[in-house]
């Protein structure tokens, strides 16, 4: 009983922290994009616009919830929740410091990758249930793109697993005490670059944002949503992006490793994750969208074979490093 209560409390604390971080990550992206474009971004609500996310949440809470007359109501109403749940569950296995996390599974990376891929179910439900041709086209594009990039994403994420010799996320972080995997000669840099590219595609970020291309599909699969349902979809999207940023910091940037006392570990981890997030945001606001055929060609013709070769090269390096008799 005590273990169940402890798990519930830990989950509640992590969930609350994730919602808070995700809420203000939206402000961080808007400010960062504004600076890139010589603007000031949100500024009027609170000092330097710090209360803007709260104002946005209250605005969406008060907006009318409109359901299309011909929509599949059950699917339409469930889609935002189904889309949000995977974005929250991926944080369950992320250790934010030694012994600090909800569940440090011995197959933590596999759990993360499996749950992460489930967002596509809620996304397709939103497109199908809306009974809108733009939303459905967006959902079909998403299925095409996300499945295409999930394979190289998984193969790239397995490179640190081979280097660390463990599927447990805390073990992968501990294995980087002497050398962050991003600095591992050649393999680390190529794997990290592939991870960023596949993250851009998996999170539907420019130049891979064909599923909600504003000039073509208005708002994509979420076009018929309003009020808090729209807010839940946005929350799920940003939660997934933040979770992937934490994964990138854990797999390649040493997670909580950093100068200073041990209690600063979670702070270093958060800063590294935000660094990955800003790197993805930098790319998003620096390039233009590419065509759907180009997006699929990059995955199947370039990233998939290269990620496989990289994975095999990593396995060879690990075997040679282990010496004879292994």
Protein backbone atom coordinates (compact mmCIF):
# COMPACT_ATOMS: atom_id res chain seq x y z
CA UNK A 1 0.00 0.00 0.00
CA UNK A 2 2.82 2.36 0.89
CA UNK A 3 4.55 1.68 -2.43
CA UNK A 4 1.35 2.48 -4.32
CA UNK A 5 0.93 5.75 -2.42
CA UNK A 6 4.57 6.69 -3.03
CA UNK A 7 4.20 5.95 -6.74
CA UNK A 8 1.00 8.02 -6.91
CA UNK A 9 2.64 10.99 -5.15
CA UNK A 10 5.74 10.77 -7.35
CA UNK A 11 3.58 10.59 -10.47
CA UNK A 12 1.49 13.56 -9.36
CA UNK A 13 4.59 15.66 -8.66
CA UNK A 14 6.19 14.78 -12.01
CA UNK A 15 2.92 15.42 -13.87
CA UNK A 16 2.49 18.83 -12.22
CA UNK A 17 6.09 19.77 -12.96
CA UNK A 18 5.73 18.64 -16.59
CA UNK A 19 2.57 20.71 -17.10
CA UNK A 20 4.31 23.75 -15.62
CA UNK A 21 7.44 23.31 -17.74
CA UNK A 22 5.46 22.64 -20.93
CA UNK A 23 3.28 25.70 -20.32
CA UNK A 24 6.30 28.00 -20.13
CA UNK A 25 8.16 26.24 -22.94
CA UNK A 26 5.56 27.78 -25.26
CA UNK A 27 6.61 31.22 -24.01
CA UNK A 28 10.29 30.29 -24.41
CA UNK A 29 9.73 29.32 -28.04
CA UNK A 30 7.78 32.50 -28.79
CA UNK A 31 10.46 34.67 -27.20
CA UNK A 32 13.26 32.78 -28.93
CA UNK A 33 11.55 33.04 -32.32
CA UNK A 34 10.89 36.74 -31.73
CA UNK A 35 14.57 37.41 -31.01
CA UNK A 36 15.55 35.59 -34.20
CA UNK A 37 13.22 37.91 -36.10
CA UNK A 38 14.19 41.11 -34.23
CA UNK A 39 10.90 41.29 -32.30
CA UNK A 40 10.20 41.35 -28.58
CA UNK A 41 7.53 38.65 -28.51
CA UNK A 42 4.80 38.53 -25.82
CA UNK A 43 5.47 41.48 -23.52
CA UNK A 44 2.30 43.02 -22.09
CA UNK A 45 0.87 40.33 -19.80
CA UNK A 46 3.00 40.34 -16.65
CA UNK A 47 6.63 41.53 -16.42
CA UNK A 48 8.23 40.88 -19.82
CA UNK A 49 5.20 38.76 -20.74
CA UNK A 50 5.86 36.10 -18.09
CA UNK A 51 2.14 35.63 -17.41
CA UNK A 52 1.26 35.16 -21.09
CA UNK A 53 0.94 31.33 -20.88
CA UNK A 54 -1.50 31.68 -17.97
CA UNK A 55 -3.51 34.25 -19.92
CA UNK A 56 -3.59 31.92 -22.94
CA UNK A 57 -4.78 29.02 -20.77
CA UNK A 58 -7.57 31.12 -19.24
CA UNK A 59 -8.61 32.36 -22.68
CA UNK A 60 -8.87 28.81 -24.05
CA UNK A 61 -10.73 27.70 -20.92
CA UNK A 62 -13.41 30.35 -21.50
CA UNK A 63 -13.79 29.74 -25.23
CA UNK A 64 -16.87 27.90 -26.51
CA UNK A 65 -16.45 24.20 -27.21
CA UNK A 66 -17.77 23.72 -30.74
CA UNK A 67 -18.40 20.23 -32.10
CA UNK A 68 -19.00 19.88 -35.87
CA UNK A 69 -22.53 18.69 -36.61
CA UNK A 70 -21.42 15.70 -38.72
CA UNK A 71 -18.42 14.74 -36.58
CA UNK A 72 -18.07 11.33 -34.99
CA UNK A 73 -18.66 12.67 -31.48
CA UNK A 74 -17.13 9.78 -29.53
CA UNK A 75 -13.92 9.71 -31.54
CA UNK A 76 -13.80 13.51 -31.79
CA UNK A 77 -14.11 14.02 -28.03
CA UNK A 78 -11.70 11.22 -27.06
CA UNK A 79 -8.95 12.23 -29.51
CA UNK A 80 -7.40 15.09 -27.45
CA UNK A 81 -7.12 12.83 -24.37
CA UNK A 82 -5.69 9.91 -26.35
CA UNK A 83 -3.21 12.32 -27.95
CA UNK A 84 -2.19 13.81 -24.57
CA UNK A 85 -1.67 10.58 -22.60
CA UNK A 86 1.46 9.33 -24.46
CA UNK A 87 3.04 12.79 -24.10
CA UNK A 88 2.67 12.52 -20.34
CA UNK A 89 3.52 8.82 -19.97
CA UNK A 90 6.96 9.20 -21.56
CA UNK A 91 8.09 11.15 -18.49
CA UNK A 92 7.34 8.16 -16.24
CA UNK A 93 10.65 6.44 -17.00
CA UNK A 94 12.92 9.49 -17.28
CA UNK A 95 15.28 9.72 -14.27
CA UNK A 96 15.92 13.39 -13.51
CA UNK A 97 18.77 12.51 -11.12
CA UNK A 98 20.05 9.29 -9.49
CA UNK A 99 17.01 7.85 -7.71
CA UNK A 100 14.77 10.75 -8.76
CA UNK A 101 11.99 9.60 -11.06
CA UNK A 102 8.71 7.72 -11.15
CA UNK A 103 9.97 4.35 -12.46
CA UNK A 104 13.49 3.48 -13.55
CA UNK A 105 12.62 0.46 -15.71
CA UNK A 106 15.25 -1.95 -16.96
CA UNK A 107 13.72 -1.47 -20.43
CA UNK A 108 13.22 2.27 -19.99
CA UNK A 109 14.31 3.27 -23.49
CA UNK A 110 12.00 0.70 -25.08
CA UNK A 111 9.07 1.92 -22.98
CA UNK A 112 9.80 5.51 -24.02
CA UNK A 113 9.99 4.65 -27.73
CA UNK A 114 6.87 2.46 -27.63
CA UNK A 115 4.69 4.96 -25.76
CA UNK A 116 6.06 7.86 -27.80
CA UNK A 117 4.84 6.24 -31.02
CA UNK A 118 1.29 5.96 -29.63
CA UNK A 119 0.61 9.66 -30.23
CA UNK A 120 -0.23 8.77 -33.81
CA UNK A 121 -3.42 7.03 -32.60
CA UNK A 122 -4.84 10.21 -31.04
CA UNK A 123 -3.68 12.25 -34.00
CA UNK A 124 -5.50 10.04 -36.49
CA UNK A 125 -8.60 9.95 -34.27
CA UNK A 126 -8.67 13.77 -34.34
CA UNK A 127 -8.40 13.88 -38.12
CA UNK A 128 -10.97 11.13 -38.71
CA UNK A 129 -13.45 12.17 -36.04
CA UNK A 130 -13.58 15.79 -37.21
CA UNK A 131 -15.21 14.77 -40.53
CA UNK A 132 -13.20 17.47 -42.26
CA UNK A 133 -11.24 16.79 -45.43
CA UNK A 134 -8.34 19.05 -44.37
CA UNK A 135 -8.09 17.34 -40.98
CA UNK A 136 -8.26 13.88 -42.56
CA UNK A 137 -5.61 14.73 -45.15
CA UNK A 138 -3.40 16.04 -42.35
CA UNK A 139 -3.89 12.81 -40.37
CA UNK A 140 -3.00 10.68 -43.40
CA UNK A 141 0.13 12.73 -43.93
CA UNK A 142 1.02 12.29 -40.27
CA UNK A 143 0.68 8.51 -40.44
CA UNK A 144 2.92 8.49 -43.51
CA UNK A 145 5.56 10.75 -42.04
CA UNK A 146 5.72 9.61 -38.42
CA UNK A 147 5.92 5.92 -39.32
CA UNK A 148 8.62 6.69 -41.88
CA UNK A 149 10.79 8.52 -39.34
CA UNK A 150 10.10 6.30 -36.33
CA UNK A 151 12.46 3.62 -37.67
CA UNK A 152 15.57 5.82 -38.02
CA UNK A 153 14.62 7.51 -34.74
CA UNK A 154 14.66 4.13 -32.94
CA UNK A 155 17.90 2.99 -34.59
CA UNK A 156 19.57 6.29 -33.64
CA UNK A 157 18.36 6.06 -30.05
CA UNK A 158 19.83 2.56 -29.81
CA UNK A 159 23.36 3.83 -30.49
CA UNK A 160 23.82 5.11 -26.89
CA UNK A 161 22.21 1.87 -25.69
CA UNK A 162 25.01 -0.12 -27.34
CA UNK A 163 27.68 2.24 -26.03
CA UNK A 164 26.32 2.00 -22.48
CA UNK A 165 25.44 -1.70 -22.66
CA UNK A 166 22.04 -1.19 -21.02
CA UNK A 167 18.43 -0.35 -21.84
CA UNK A 168 17.97 1.36 -18.47
CA UNK A 169 18.00 5.14 -18.89
CA UNK A 170 19.83 5.76 -15.60
CA UNK A 171 22.60 3.38 -16.70
CA UNK A 172 22.95 5.24 -20.00
CA UNK A 173 23.30 8.52 -18.11
CA UNK A 174 25.83 7.04 -15.66
CA UNK A 175 27.91 5.59 -18.52
CA UNK A 176 28.58 9.16 -19.72
CA UNK A 177 30.32 10.23 -16.50
CA UNK A 178 33.69 10.39 -18.26
CA UNK A 179 32.62 11.21 -21.82
CA UNK A 180 29.28 12.42 -23.12
CA UNK A 181 28.20 10.27 -26.04
CA UNK A 182 27.84 13.32 -28.28
CA UNK A 183 31.64 13.63 -28.05
CA UNK A 184 32.26 9.97 -28.85
CA UNK A 185 34.51 10.10 -31.96
CA UNK A 186 32.49 10.29 -35.19
CA UNK A 187 29.72 7.94 -34.00
CA UNK A 188 28.47 10.36 -31.35
CA UNK A 189 28.26 13.36 -33.67
CA UNK A 190 26.55 11.43 -36.48
CA UNK A 191 24.04 9.85 -34.07
CA UNK A 192 23.21 13.18 -32.46
CA UNK A 193 22.71 14.86 -35.84
CA UNK A 194 20.44 12.00 -36.95
CA UNK A 195 18.55 12.26 -33.65
CA UNK A 196 17.86 15.97 -34.19
CA UNK A 197 16.69 15.43 -37.77
CA UNK A 198 14.37 12.56 -36.84
CA UNK A 199 13.07 14.57 -33.88
CA UNK A 200 12.14 17.43 -36.21
CA UNK A 201 10.18 15.00 -38.37
CA UNK A 202 8.60 13.07 -35.49
CA UNK A 203 7.47 16.33 -33.85
CA UNK A 204 6.19 17.78 -37.14
CA UNK A 205 8.53 20.75 -37.00
CA UNK A 206 9.68 22.79 -39.98
CA UNK A 207 10.97 21.74 -42.47
CA UNK A 208 8.87 18.59 -41.85
CA UNK A 209 5.52 20.19 -40.93
CA UNK A 210 3.46 18.98 -43.89
CA UNK A 211 0.67 17.63 -41.69
CA UNK A 212 -0.37 21.12 -40.56
CA UNK A 213 1.02 23.26 -43.37
CA UNK A 214 -0.91 26.47 -42.73
CA UNK A 215 -0.93 27.52 -46.38
CA UNK A 216 -2.52 24.21 -47.38
CA UNK A 217 -4.38 22.63 -44.45
CA UNK A 218 -5.21 25.63 -42.24
CA UNK A 219 -4.45 24.05 -38.82
CA UNK A 220 -4.14 20.44 -39.93
CA UNK A 221 -5.71 17.65 -37.88
CA UNK A 222 -6.75 20.09 -35.13
CA UNK A 223 -8.60 22.49 -37.42
CA UNK A 224 -12.07 21.70 -35.98
CA UNK A 225 -11.02 21.91 -32.32
CA UNK A 226 -11.55 24.86 -30.04
CA UNK A 227 -11.38 25.76 -26.37
CA UNK A 228 -9.83 23.29 -23.95
CA UNK A 229 -9.80 20.45 -26.47
CA UNK A 230 -7.47 22.52 -28.62
CA UNK A 231 -5.44 23.31 -25.50
CA UNK A 232 -5.10 19.59 -24.65
CA UNK A 233 -3.79 18.86 -28.15
CA UNK A 234 -1.28 21.70 -27.88
CA UNK A 235 -0.26 20.50 -24.42
CA UNK A 236 0.25 16.96 -25.72
CA UNK A 237 2.30 18.20 -28.68
CA UNK A 238 4.63 20.31 -26.55
CA UNK A 239 4.85 17.65 -23.83
CA UNK A 240 6.02 15.17 -26.45
CA UNK A 241 8.57 17.68 -27.73
CA UNK A 242 9.88 18.41 -24.23
CA UNK A 243 10.03 14.68 -23.42
CA UNK A 244 12.03 14.02 -26.58
CA UNK A 245 14.36 16.89 -25.64
CA UNK A 246 14.94 15.28 -22.24
CA UNK A 247 15.64 11.98 -23.99
CA UNK A 248 18.17 13.65 -26.28
CA UNK A 249 19.91 15.27 -23.31
CA UNK A 250 19.99 11.92 -21.51
CA UNK A 251 21.22 9.85 -24.45
CA UNK A 252 23.89 12.22 -25.72
CA UNK A 253 24.59 15.08 -23.27
CA UNK A 254 25.24 13.23 -20.03
CA UNK A 255 21.82 13.99 -18.43
CA UNK A 256 22.47 15.39 -14.95
CA UNK A 257 26.29 15.39 -15.23
CA UNK A 258 27.77 18.84 -14.68
CA UNK A 259 29.98 20.93 -12.41
CA UNK A 260 28.96 21.73 -8.88
CA UNK A 261 27.27 19.72 -6.13
CA UNK A 262 25.07 16.70 -6.88
CA UNK A 263 21.84 18.55 -6.06
CA UNK A 264 22.41 20.70 -9.16
CA UNK A 265 22.01 17.58 -11.34
CA UNK A 266 18.30 18.11 -12.16
CA UNK A 267 19.06 21.76 -13.01
CA UNK A 268 21.80 20.73 -15.45
CA UNK A 269 19.47 18.13 -16.95
CA UNK A 270 16.74 20.73 -17.46
CA UNK A 271 19.18 23.20 -19.03
CA UNK A 272 20.51 20.56 -21.43
CA UNK A 273 16.97 19.52 -22.40
CA UNK A 274 16.06 23.15 -23.06
CA UNK A 275 19.23 23.43 -25.14
CA UNK A 276 18.04 20.54 -27.33
CA UNK A 277 14.59 22.13 -27.53
CA UNK A 278 16.05 25.48 -28.62
CA UNK A 279 18.23 23.74 -31.21
CA UNK A 280 15.11 22.20 -32.75
CA UNK A 281 13.36 25.58 -32.51
CA UNK A 282 16.31 27.29 -34.18
CA UNK A 283 16.02 24.93 -37.15
CA UNK A 284 12.25 25.43 -37.22
CA UNK A 285 12.53 29.20 -37.58
CA UNK A 286 15.45 29.10 -40.02
CA UNK A 287 14.24 26.88 -42.87
CA UNK A 288 11.23 26.53 -45.14
CA UNK A 289 8.97 23.55 -45.62
CA UNK A 290 10.00 20.87 -48.11
CA UNK A 291 7.75 18.71 -50.26
CA UNK A 292 6.21 15.49 -49.04
CA UNK A 293 8.12 13.38 -51.57
CA UNK A 294 11.38 14.96 -50.41
CA UNK A 295 10.49 14.27 -46.77
CA UNK A 296 9.86 10.58 -47.45
CA UNK A 297 12.95 10.29 -49.65
CA UNK A 298 15.15 11.69 -46.85
CA UNK A 299 13.80 9.04 -44.49
CA UNK A 300 13.74 5.89 -46.63
CA UNK A 301 16.67 6.61 -48.94
CA UNK A 302 19.04 8.43 -46.58
CA UNK A 303 18.31 8.31 -42.85
CA UNK A 304 17.12 4.69 -42.62
CA UNK A 305 20.18 3.09 -44.31
CA UNK A 306 22.57 5.51 -42.60
CA UNK A 307 21.09 4.88 -39.16
CA UNK A 308 21.36 1.12 -39.74
CA UNK A 309 25.00 1.47 -40.82
CA UNK A 310 25.65 3.68 -37.80
CA UNK A 311 24.09 1.10 -35.48
CA UNK A 312 26.19 -1.72 -36.98
CA UNK A 313 29.33 0.43 -36.79
CA UNK A 314 28.61 1.12 -33.12
CA UNK A 315 28.17 -2.60 -32.45
CA UNK A 316 31.52 -3.27 -34.16
CA UNK A 317 33.26 -0.59 -32.09
CA UNK A 318 31.79 -2.01 -28.87
CA UNK A 319 32.97 -5.53 -29.76
CA UNK A 320 36.47 -4.34 -30.67
CA UNK A 321 36.65 -2.21 -27.53
CA UNK A 322 35.66 -5.19 -25.38
CA UNK A 323 38.64 -7.16 -26.62
CA UNK A 324 39.01 -10.85 -27.58
CA UNK A 325 36.88 -13.53 -26.05
CA UNK A 326 33.66 -11.50 -26.05
